[in-house]
Amino acid sequence: MTDGVVLRAAVPGDAEAIAAISVRGWAHAYAEFLDPRVLAGRTVEGQTERWHEWLAGDDTRTVVAHVAGRIAGYATVGASRDADATPAVGELAGLYVDPPAQGAGVGTVLLADAVARLRGGFTSATLWVFEENGLGRAFYERHGWSPDPGNRSAKSISQAGSAPL
């Protein structure tokens, strides 16, 4: 299936498709442990507005994955937003695959591309994963990312850091 994945830079016209994947992805991955009100507050309309703004900005580094002519996932990278990060630390700010496309290699293709893009400007990278998100954690760990158990927040979010890029 990964042979049919085509990656390209996201553009503002992709905002609604990315927003829909984000909303469906959150509902699919986090329904068992996030407050239902949080999930209900994430609407395609609201997320589309945010994505229009993000994709129009100069700092947007989002790539979309096309499969069979439609957007099936996306990944966003950039400088780490962690308060204690140095300029050498990048971040995988988001990687979501539409639930019907999961398990077909789209996420693996997006992650490989994201890591390659991070290597272009950073020496290491981080990402944030809900501790309760076992499938997400397993995916990243399978691809060489390792947990950072010393970095937890009150919301039970744990950080996973990669080996140096």
N, C-alpha and C. Protein backbone atom coordinates (compact mmCIF):
# COMPACT_ATOMS: atom_id res chain seq x y z
N MET A 1 0.82 -1.20 0.00
CA MET A 1 0.00 0.00 0.00
C MET A 1 0.86 1.26 0.00
N THR A 2 2.04 1.21 0.60
CA THR A 2 2.85 2.42 0.68
C THR A 2 3.33 2.88 -0.69
N ASP A 3 3.31 2.00 -1.68
CA ASP A 3 3.70 2.42 -3.03
C ASP A 3 2.72 3.45 -3.58
N GLY A 4 1.47 3.43 -3.10
CA GLY A 4 0.46 4.36 -3.59
C GLY A 4 0.36 5.64 -2.79
N VAL A 5 1.28 5.87 -1.85
CA VAL A 5 1.25 7.08 -1.03
C VAL A 5 2.07 8.16 -1.72
N VAL A 6 1.44 9.30 -1.95
CA VAL A 6 2.11 10.45 -2.56
C VAL A 6 2.11 11.57 -1.54
N LEU A 7 3.29 12.10 -1.24
CA LEU A 7 3.42 13.19 -0.28
C LEU A 7 3.61 14.51 -1.01
N ARG A 8 3.04 15.56 -0.41
CA ARG A 8 3.28 16.91 -0.94
C ARG A 8 3.07 17.90 0.21
N ALA A 9 3.62 19.10 0.03
CA ALA A 9 3.43 20.15 1.03
C ALA A 9 1.95 20.53 1.09
N ALA A 10 1.46 20.72 2.30
CA ALA A 10 0.08 21.14 2.48
C ALA A 10 -0.08 22.59 2.07
N VAL A 11 -1.26 22.92 1.58
CA VAL A 11 -1.61 24.28 1.19
C VAL A 11 -2.91 24.66 1.90
N PRO A 12 -3.23 25.96 1.98
CA PRO A 12 -4.45 26.36 2.67
C PRO A 12 -5.72 25.65 2.18
N GLY A 13 -5.76 25.26 0.93
CA GLY A 13 -6.91 24.55 0.40
C GLY A 13 -7.09 23.16 1.00
N ASP A 14 -6.07 22.66 1.70
CA ASP A 14 -6.14 21.36 2.36
C ASP A 14 -6.72 21.44 3.76
N ALA A 15 -7.00 22.65 4.23
CA ALA A 15 -7.38 22.85 5.63
C ALA A 15 -8.57 21.98 6.05
N GLU A 16 -9.61 21.92 5.25
CA GLU A 16 -10.80 21.16 5.66
C GLU A 16 -10.50 19.66 5.73
N ALA A 17 -9.76 19.13 4.77
CA ALA A 17 -9.43 17.71 4.78
C ALA A 17 -8.54 17.37 5.98
N ILE A 18 -7.57 18.22 6.27
CA ILE A 18 -6.70 18.00 7.43
C ILE A 18 -7.51 18.09 8.71
N ALA A 19 -8.39 19.08 8.79
CA ALA A 19 -9.23 19.24 9.99
C ALA A 19 -10.10 18.01 10.21
N ALA A 20 -10.68 17.48 9.16
CA ALA A 20 -11.54 16.30 9.29
C ALA A 20 -10.73 15.10 9.77
N ILE A 21 -9.52 14.92 9.27
CA ILE A 21 -8.66 13.83 9.72
C ILE A 21 -8.29 14.03 11.18
N SER A 22 -7.99 15.26 11.55
CA SER A 22 -7.65 15.56 12.95
C SER A 22 -8.80 15.21 13.88
N VAL A 23 -10.00 15.63 13.54
CA VAL A 23 -11.17 15.38 14.39
C VAL A 23 -11.45 13.88 14.47
N ARG A 24 -11.45 13.19 13.32
CA ARG A 24 -11.70 11.74 13.33
C ARG A 24 -10.58 11.00 14.05
N GLY A 25 -9.35 11.45 13.84
CA GLY A 25 -8.20 10.81 14.48
C GLY A 25 -8.26 10.93 15.99
N TRP A 26 -8.59 12.12 16.49
CA TRP A 26 -8.71 12.31 17.94
C TRP A 26 -9.83 11.43 18.49
N ALA A 27 -10.97 11.41 17.83
CA ALA A 27 -12.10 10.61 18.30
C ALA A 27 -11.73 9.12 18.33
N HIS A 28 -11.03 8.68 17.32
CA HIS A 28 -10.65 7.26 17.22
C HIS A 28 -9.59 6.89 18.27
N ALA A 29 -8.57 7.72 18.41
CA ALA A 29 -7.43 7.37 19.27
C ALA A 29 -7.65 7.69 20.74
N TYR A 30 -8.46 8.70 21.04
CA TYR A 30 -8.50 9.20 22.41
C TYR A 30 -9.84 9.03 23.11
N ALA A 31 -10.82 8.42 22.46
CA ALA A 31 -12.17 8.31 23.03
C ALA A 31 -12.20 7.58 24.37
N GLU A 32 -11.30 6.64 24.57
CA GLU A 32 -11.33 5.86 25.80
C GLU A 32 -10.77 6.60 27.01
N PHE A 33 -10.04 7.71 26.81
CA PHE A 33 -9.44 8.34 27.98
C PHE A 33 -9.56 9.86 28.02
N LEU A 34 -9.99 10.51 26.98
CA LEU A 34 -10.20 11.96 27.04
C LEU A 34 -11.65 12.25 27.41
N ASP A 35 -11.84 13.36 28.09
CA ASP A 35 -13.18 13.81 28.44
C ASP A 35 -13.99 13.96 27.15
N PRO A 36 -15.17 13.36 27.08
CA PRO A 36 -15.99 13.47 25.86
C PRO A 36 -16.28 14.91 25.45
N ARG A 37 -16.31 15.82 26.42
CA ARG A 37 -16.56 17.23 26.10
C ARG A 37 -15.39 17.82 25.30
N VAL A 38 -14.18 17.36 25.59
CA VAL A 38 -13.02 17.82 24.84
C VAL A 38 -13.15 17.38 23.38
N LEU A 39 -13.49 16.11 23.19
CA LEU A 39 -13.64 15.59 21.83
C LEU A 39 -14.80 16.27 21.11
N ALA A 40 -15.91 16.50 21.81
CA ALA A 40 -17.07 17.16 21.20
C ALA A 40 -16.75 18.59 20.80
N GLY A 41 -15.83 19.22 21.51
CA GLY A 41 -15.45 20.60 21.21
C GLY A 41 -14.55 20.73 19.99
N ARG A 42 -14.02 19.63 19.53
CA ARG A 42 -13.16 19.63 18.33
C ARG A 42 -14.02 19.36 17.12
N THR A 43 -14.44 20.39 16.46
CA THR A 43 -15.29 20.25 15.28
C THR A 43 -14.47 20.48 14.01
N VAL A 44 -14.95 19.92 12.91
CA VAL A 44 -14.28 20.13 11.63
C VAL A 44 -14.28 21.61 11.29
N GLU A 45 -15.39 22.29 11.55
CA GLU A 45 -15.46 23.73 11.24
C GLU A 45 -14.42 24.52 12.03
N GLY A 46 -14.34 24.28 13.32
CA GLY A 46 -13.38 25.00 14.15
C GLY A 46 -11.94 24.67 13.78
N GLN A 47 -11.67 23.41 13.54
CA GLN A 47 -10.33 23.01 13.17
C GLN A 47 -9.95 23.52 11.78
N THR A 48 -10.93 23.62 10.87
CA THR A 48 -10.65 24.14 9.54
C THR A 48 -10.16 25.58 9.62
N GLU A 49 -10.81 26.38 10.44
CA GLU A 49 -10.36 27.78 10.63
C GLU A 49 -8.93 27.82 11.11
N ARG A 50 -8.61 27.00 12.11
CA ARG A 50 -7.25 26.98 12.65
C ARG A 50 -6.25 26.54 11.59
N TRP A 51 -6.60 25.49 10.83
CA TRP A 51 -5.68 25.01 9.82
C TRP A 51 -5.48 26.02 8.68
N HIS A 52 -6.52 26.76 8.33
CA HIS A 52 -6.34 27.82 7.33
C HIS A 52 -5.28 28.80 7.81
N GLU A 53 -5.35 29.21 9.06
CA GLU A 53 -4.37 30.14 9.62
C GLU A 53 -2.98 29.52 9.64
N TRP A 54 -2.87 28.30 10.13
CA TRP A 54 -1.56 27.65 10.23
C TRP A 54 -0.93 27.46 8.86
N LEU A 55 -1.70 27.01 7.90
CA LEU A 55 -1.15 26.74 6.58
C LEU A 55 -0.81 28.00 5.81
N ALA A 56 -1.42 29.10 6.16
CA ALA A 56 -1.10 30.37 5.51
C ALA A 56 0.15 31.01 6.09
N GLY A 57 0.57 30.56 7.28
CA GLY A 57 1.74 31.14 7.94
C GLY A 57 3.04 30.67 7.33
N ASP A 58 4.07 31.46 7.55
CA ASP A 58 5.39 31.14 7.00
C ASP A 58 6.03 29.94 7.67
N ASP A 59 5.65 29.63 8.92
CA ASP A 59 6.30 28.56 9.66
C ASP A 59 5.68 27.19 9.43
N THR A 60 4.68 27.10 8.60
CA THR A 60 3.99 25.83 8.39
C THR A 60 4.90 24.84 7.68
N ARG A 61 5.03 23.70 8.29
CA ARG A 61 5.80 22.62 7.69
C ARG A 61 4.96 21.35 7.74
N THR A 62 3.82 21.39 7.10
CA THR A 62 2.91 20.25 7.08
C THR A 62 2.93 19.60 5.71
N VAL A 63 3.00 18.28 5.73
CA VAL A 63 2.95 17.48 4.51
C VAL A 63 1.71 16.61 4.59
N VAL A 64 1.02 16.48 3.47
CA VAL A 64 -0.14 15.59 3.41
C VAL A 64 0.22 14.36 2.58
N ALA A 65 -0.43 13.24 2.93
CA ALA A 65 -0.26 11.99 2.21
C ALA A 65 -1.53 11.72 1.41
N HIS A 66 -1.37 11.58 0.11
CA HIS A 66 -2.50 11.24 -0.76
C HIS A 66 -2.48 9.73 -1.03
N VAL A 67 -3.63 9.13 -0.94
CA VAL A 67 -3.80 7.72 -1.31
C VAL A 67 -5.07 7.66 -2.15
N ALA A 68 -4.95 7.10 -3.32
CA ALA A 68 -6.09 6.95 -4.23
C ALA A 68 -6.83 8.28 -4.44
N GLY A 69 -6.06 9.36 -4.58
CA GLY A 69 -6.64 10.65 -4.91
C GLY A 69 -7.22 11.45 -3.76
N ARG A 70 -7.07 10.98 -2.52
CA ARG A 70 -7.59 11.77 -1.40
C ARG A 70 -6.54 11.86 -0.30
N ILE A 71 -6.66 12.88 0.53
CA ILE A 71 -5.73 13.05 1.64
C ILE A 71 -6.07 12.02 2.71
N ALA A 72 -5.07 11.21 3.07
CA ALA A 72 -5.27 10.14 4.04
C ALA A 72 -4.53 10.38 5.34
N GLY A 73 -3.71 11.43 5.40
CA GLY A 73 -2.96 11.72 6.62
C GLY A 73 -2.10 12.95 6.45
N TYR A 74 -1.51 13.37 7.55
CA TYR A 74 -0.62 14.53 7.51
C TYR A 74 0.38 14.46 8.65
N ALA A 75 1.48 15.19 8.49
CA ALA A 75 2.50 15.32 9.52
C ALA A 75 3.03 16.74 9.51
N THR A 76 3.24 17.29 10.71
CA THR A 76 3.75 18.64 10.87
C THR A 76 5.02 18.61 11.71
N VAL A 77 6.06 19.27 11.25
CA VAL A 77 7.31 19.37 11.99
C VAL A 77 7.70 20.84 12.12
N GLY A 78 8.61 21.10 13.05
CA GLY A 78 9.14 22.44 13.24
C GLY A 78 10.07 22.47 14.43
N ALA A 79 10.40 23.66 14.87
CA ALA A 79 11.22 23.81 16.07
C ALA A 79 10.41 23.36 17.28
N SER A 80 11.09 22.81 18.26
CA SER A 80 10.42 22.36 19.47
C SER A 80 9.75 23.54 20.17
N ARG A 81 8.55 23.29 20.67
CA ARG A 81 7.82 24.30 21.43
C ARG A 81 8.05 24.16 22.93
N ASP A 82 8.87 23.19 23.33
CA ASP A 82 9.17 22.99 24.74
C ASP A 82 9.97 24.17 25.28
N ALA A 83 9.59 24.63 26.45
CA ALA A 83 10.23 25.82 27.04
C ALA A 83 11.72 25.63 27.27
N ASP A 84 12.15 24.41 27.53
CA ASP A 84 13.56 24.17 27.84
C ASP A 84 14.37 23.69 26.63
N ALA A 85 13.78 23.69 25.45
CA ALA A 85 14.47 23.19 24.26
C ALA A 85 15.46 24.21 23.71
N THR A 86 16.54 23.71 23.20
CA THR A 86 17.51 24.57 22.52
C THR A 86 17.09 24.69 21.05
N PRO A 87 17.69 25.62 20.31
CA PRO A 87 17.36 25.74 18.88
C PRO A 87 17.71 24.50 18.06
N ALA A 88 18.52 23.60 18.59
CA ALA A 88 18.91 22.40 17.87
C ALA A 88 17.85 21.30 17.96
N VAL A 89 16.79 21.52 18.76
CA VAL A 89 15.77 20.49 18.96
C VAL A 89 14.54 20.79 18.11
N GLY A 90 14.18 19.83 17.29
CA GLY A 90 12.97 19.93 16.48
C GLY A 90 11.83 19.20 17.16
N GLU A 91 10.67 19.26 16.53
CA GLU A 91 9.49 18.60 17.09
C GLU A 91 8.62 18.02 15.98
N LEU A 92 8.17 16.81 16.18
CA LEU A 92 7.11 16.26 15.36
C LEU A 92 5.84 16.72 16.05
N ALA A 93 5.27 17.81 15.55
CA ALA A 93 4.15 18.47 16.22
C ALA A 93 2.84 17.74 16.03
N GLY A 94 2.73 16.92 15.01
CA GLY A 94 1.51 16.16 14.80
C GLY A 94 1.66 15.21 13.64
N LEU A 95 1.11 14.01 13.81
CA LEU A 95 1.06 13.03 12.74
C LEU A 95 -0.24 12.27 12.94
N TYR A 96 -1.14 12.40 11.99
CA TYR A 96 -2.43 11.72 12.06
C TYR A 96 -2.74 11.08 10.72
N VAL A 97 -3.28 9.88 10.79
CA VAL A 97 -3.75 9.15 9.61
C VAL A 97 -5.24 8.93 9.80
N ASP A 98 -6.00 9.17 8.75
CA ASP A 98 -7.44 8.95 8.80
C ASP A 98 -7.69 7.51 9.25
N PRO A 99 -8.56 7.28 10.24
CA PRO A 99 -8.75 5.92 10.76
C PRO A 99 -8.98 4.85 9.70
N PRO A 100 -9.77 5.09 8.63
CA PRO A 100 -9.93 4.02 7.64
C PRO A 100 -8.63 3.66 6.89
N ALA A 101 -7.65 4.56 6.89
CA ALA A 101 -6.38 4.31 6.20
C ALA A 101 -5.29 3.78 7.13
N GLN A 102 -5.58 3.67 8.41
CA GLN A 102 -4.57 3.21 9.36
C GLN A 102 -4.24 1.75 9.12
N GLY A 103 -2.99 1.40 9.37
CA GLY A 103 -2.53 0.03 9.21
C GLY A 103 -2.05 -0.30 7.81
N ALA A 104 -2.07 0.67 6.92
CA ALA A 104 -1.66 0.42 5.53
C ALA A 104 -0.30 1.02 5.19
N GLY A 105 0.39 1.56 6.19
CA GLY A 105 1.72 2.10 5.96
C GLY A 105 1.79 3.60 5.74
N VAL A 106 0.66 4.28 5.73
CA VAL A 106 0.65 5.73 5.51
C VAL A 106 1.41 6.45 6.63
N GLY A 107 1.17 6.05 7.87
CA GLY A 107 1.86 6.67 8.99
C GLY A 107 3.36 6.46 8.94
N THR A 108 3.77 5.29 8.52
CA THR A 108 5.20 4.99 8.41
C THR A 108 5.86 5.89 7.36
N VAL A 109 5.18 6.08 6.24
CA VAL A 109 5.71 6.96 5.18
C VAL A 109 5.78 8.40 5.69
N LEU A 110 4.72 8.85 6.35
CA LEU A 110 4.72 10.21 6.90
C LEU A 110 5.82 10.41 7.94
N LEU A 111 6.00 9.42 8.81
CA LEU A 111 7.02 9.54 9.85
C LEU A 111 8.42 9.58 9.24
N ALA A 112 8.69 8.73 8.27
CA ALA A 112 10.01 8.73 7.63
C ALA A 112 10.29 10.08 6.98
N ASP A 113 9.28 10.65 6.33
CA ASP A 113 9.45 11.96 5.71
C ASP A 113 9.65 13.04 6.77
N ALA A 114 8.89 12.98 7.86
CA ALA A 114 9.02 13.97 8.93
C ALA A 114 10.43 13.93 9.54
N VAL A 115 10.94 12.73 9.79
CA VAL A 115 12.28 12.60 10.35
C VAL A 115 13.31 13.16 9.37
N ALA A 116 13.16 12.88 8.09
CA ALA A 116 14.09 13.42 7.09
C ALA A 116 14.05 14.94 7.09
N ARG A 117 12.85 15.51 7.19
CA ARG A 117 12.75 16.98 7.21
C ARG A 117 13.35 17.54 8.49
N LEU A 118 13.16 16.88 9.61
CA LEU A 118 13.76 17.34 10.87
C LEU A 118 15.29 17.29 10.80
N ARG A 119 15.82 16.26 10.16
CA ARG A 119 17.27 16.14 10.02
C ARG A 119 17.85 17.33 9.25
N GLY A 120 17.04 17.99 8.45
CA GLY A 120 17.51 19.12 7.67
C GLY A 120 17.80 20.37 8.48
N GLY A 121 17.46 20.39 9.76
CA GLY A 121 17.71 21.59 10.53
C GLY A 121 17.90 21.40 12.02
N PHE A 122 17.81 20.15 12.49
CA PHE A 122 17.90 19.89 13.92
C PHE A 122 18.80 18.69 14.19
N THR A 123 19.32 18.61 15.41
CA THR A 123 20.17 17.47 15.78
C THR A 123 19.41 16.42 16.58
N SER A 124 18.27 16.78 17.13
CA SER A 124 17.40 15.82 17.83
C SER A 124 15.97 16.33 17.71
N ALA A 125 15.04 15.47 18.09
CA ALA A 125 13.64 15.86 17.98
C ALA A 125 12.83 15.21 19.10
N THR A 126 11.70 15.84 19.38
CA THR A 126 10.78 15.32 20.38
C THR A 126 9.38 15.25 19.80
N LEU A 127 8.52 14.56 20.49
CA LEU A 127 7.10 14.55 20.18
C LEU A 127 6.37 14.28 21.48
N TRP A 128 5.10 14.59 21.50
CA TRP A 128 4.27 14.37 22.68
C TRP A 128 3.21 13.34 22.36
N VAL A 129 3.04 12.40 23.26
CA VAL A 129 2.05 11.34 23.10
C VAL A 129 1.33 11.17 24.44
N PHE A 130 0.02 11.05 24.40
CA PHE A 130 -0.69 10.76 25.64
C PHE A 130 -0.18 9.42 26.18
N GLU A 131 0.09 9.39 27.45
CA GLU A 131 0.58 8.15 28.07
C GLU A 131 -0.41 7.00 27.84
N GLU A 132 -1.69 7.31 27.85
CA GLU A 132 -2.72 6.30 27.67
C GLU A 132 -2.84 5.81 26.22
N ASN A 133 -2.20 6.48 25.30
CA ASN A 133 -2.28 6.12 23.88
C ASN A 133 -1.27 5.02 23.55
N GLY A 134 -1.60 3.80 23.95
CA GLY A 134 -0.68 2.68 23.77
C GLY A 134 -0.34 2.40 22.32
N LEU A 135 -1.32 2.50 21.42
CA LEU A 135 -1.03 2.24 20.00
C LEU A 135 -0.09 3.29 19.43
N GLY A 136 -0.32 4.55 19.78
CA GLY A 136 0.55 5.61 19.30
C GLY A 136 1.97 5.46 19.84
N ARG A 137 2.07 5.18 21.13
CA ARG A 137 3.39 5.00 21.74
C ARG A 137 4.12 3.83 21.09
N ALA A 138 3.40 2.73 20.88
CA ALA A 138 4.03 1.55 20.26
C ALA A 138 4.51 1.87 18.84
N PHE A 139 3.71 2.64 18.09
CA PHE A 139 4.10 3.03 16.73
C PHE A 139 5.42 3.79 16.76
N TYR A 140 5.51 4.82 17.60
CA TYR A 140 6.73 5.62 17.63
C TYR A 140 7.91 4.81 18.16
N GLU A 141 7.71 4.01 19.18
CA GLU A 141 8.81 3.21 19.72
C GLU A 141 9.30 2.19 18.69
N ARG A 142 8.39 1.64 17.90
CA ARG A 142 8.76 0.70 16.84
C ARG A 142 9.67 1.38 15.80
N HIS A 143 9.53 2.69 15.69
CA HIS A 143 10.33 3.44 14.71
C HIS A 143 11.50 4.17 15.36
N GLY A 144 11.91 3.74 16.54
CA GLY A 144 13.13 4.24 17.15
C GLY A 144 13.00 5.38 18.13
N TRP A 145 11.79 5.84 18.39
CA TRP A 145 11.60 6.90 19.38
C TRP A 145 11.55 6.24 20.76
N SER A 146 12.07 6.92 21.77
CA SER A 146 12.07 6.33 23.10
C SER A 146 11.43 7.28 24.10
N PRO A 147 10.74 6.72 25.10
CA PRO A 147 10.07 7.56 26.11
C PRO A 147 11.07 8.33 26.95
N ASP A 148 10.61 9.45 27.44
CA ASP A 148 11.36 10.27 28.37
C ASP A 148 10.55 10.30 29.66
N PRO A 149 10.69 9.29 30.52
CA PRO A 149 9.83 9.19 31.70
C PRO A 149 10.01 10.32 32.70
N GLY A 150 11.08 11.07 32.60
CA GLY A 150 11.29 12.17 33.53
C GLY A 150 10.56 13.43 33.15
N ASN A 151 9.81 13.40 32.07
CA ASN A 151 9.16 14.62 31.59
C ASN A 151 7.66 14.38 31.48
N ARG A 152 6.94 14.55 32.57
CA ARG A 152 5.49 14.31 32.60
C ARG A 152 4.77 15.56 33.07
N SER A 153 3.56 15.70 32.64
CA SER A 153 2.76 16.82 33.10
C SER A 153 1.59 16.30 33.91
N ALA A 154 0.86 17.19 34.52
CA ALA A 154 -0.28 16.81 35.34
C ALA A 154 -1.39 16.19 34.49
N LYS A 155 -1.37 16.41 33.20
CA LYS A 155 -2.41 15.87 32.33
C LYS A 155 -2.05 14.48 31.83
N SER A 156 -1.04 13.85 32.40
CA SER A 156 -0.65 12.50 32.04
C SER A 156 -0.21 12.40 30.58
N ILE A 157 0.50 13.41 30.15
CA ILE A 157 1.10 13.39 28.82
C ILE A 157 2.57 13.08 29.01
N SER A 158 3.08 12.16 28.24
CA SER A 158 4.50 11.89 28.34
C SER A 158 5.17 12.22 27.02
N GLN A 159 6.40 12.55 27.11
CA GLN A 159 7.16 12.94 25.93
C GLN A 159 8.00 11.75 25.49
N ALA A 160 8.12 11.56 24.22
CA ALA A 160 9.03 10.57 23.69
C ALA A 160 10.06 11.30 22.86
N GLY A 161 11.33 10.98 23.04
CA GLY A 161 12.38 11.65 22.30
C GLY A 161 13.10 10.67 21.41
N SER A 162 13.56 11.13 20.29
CA SER A 162 14.28 10.25 19.39
C SER A 162 15.75 10.25 19.77
N ALA A 163 16.46 9.32 19.19
CA ALA A 163 17.91 9.38 19.23
C ALA A 163 18.30 10.59 18.40
N PRO A 164 19.54 11.04 18.54
CA PRO A 164 19.94 12.18 17.70
C PRO A 164 19.64 11.92 16.23
N LEU A 165 19.19 12.96 15.55
CA LEU A 165 18.84 12.83 14.13
C LEU A 165 20.08 12.68 13.33
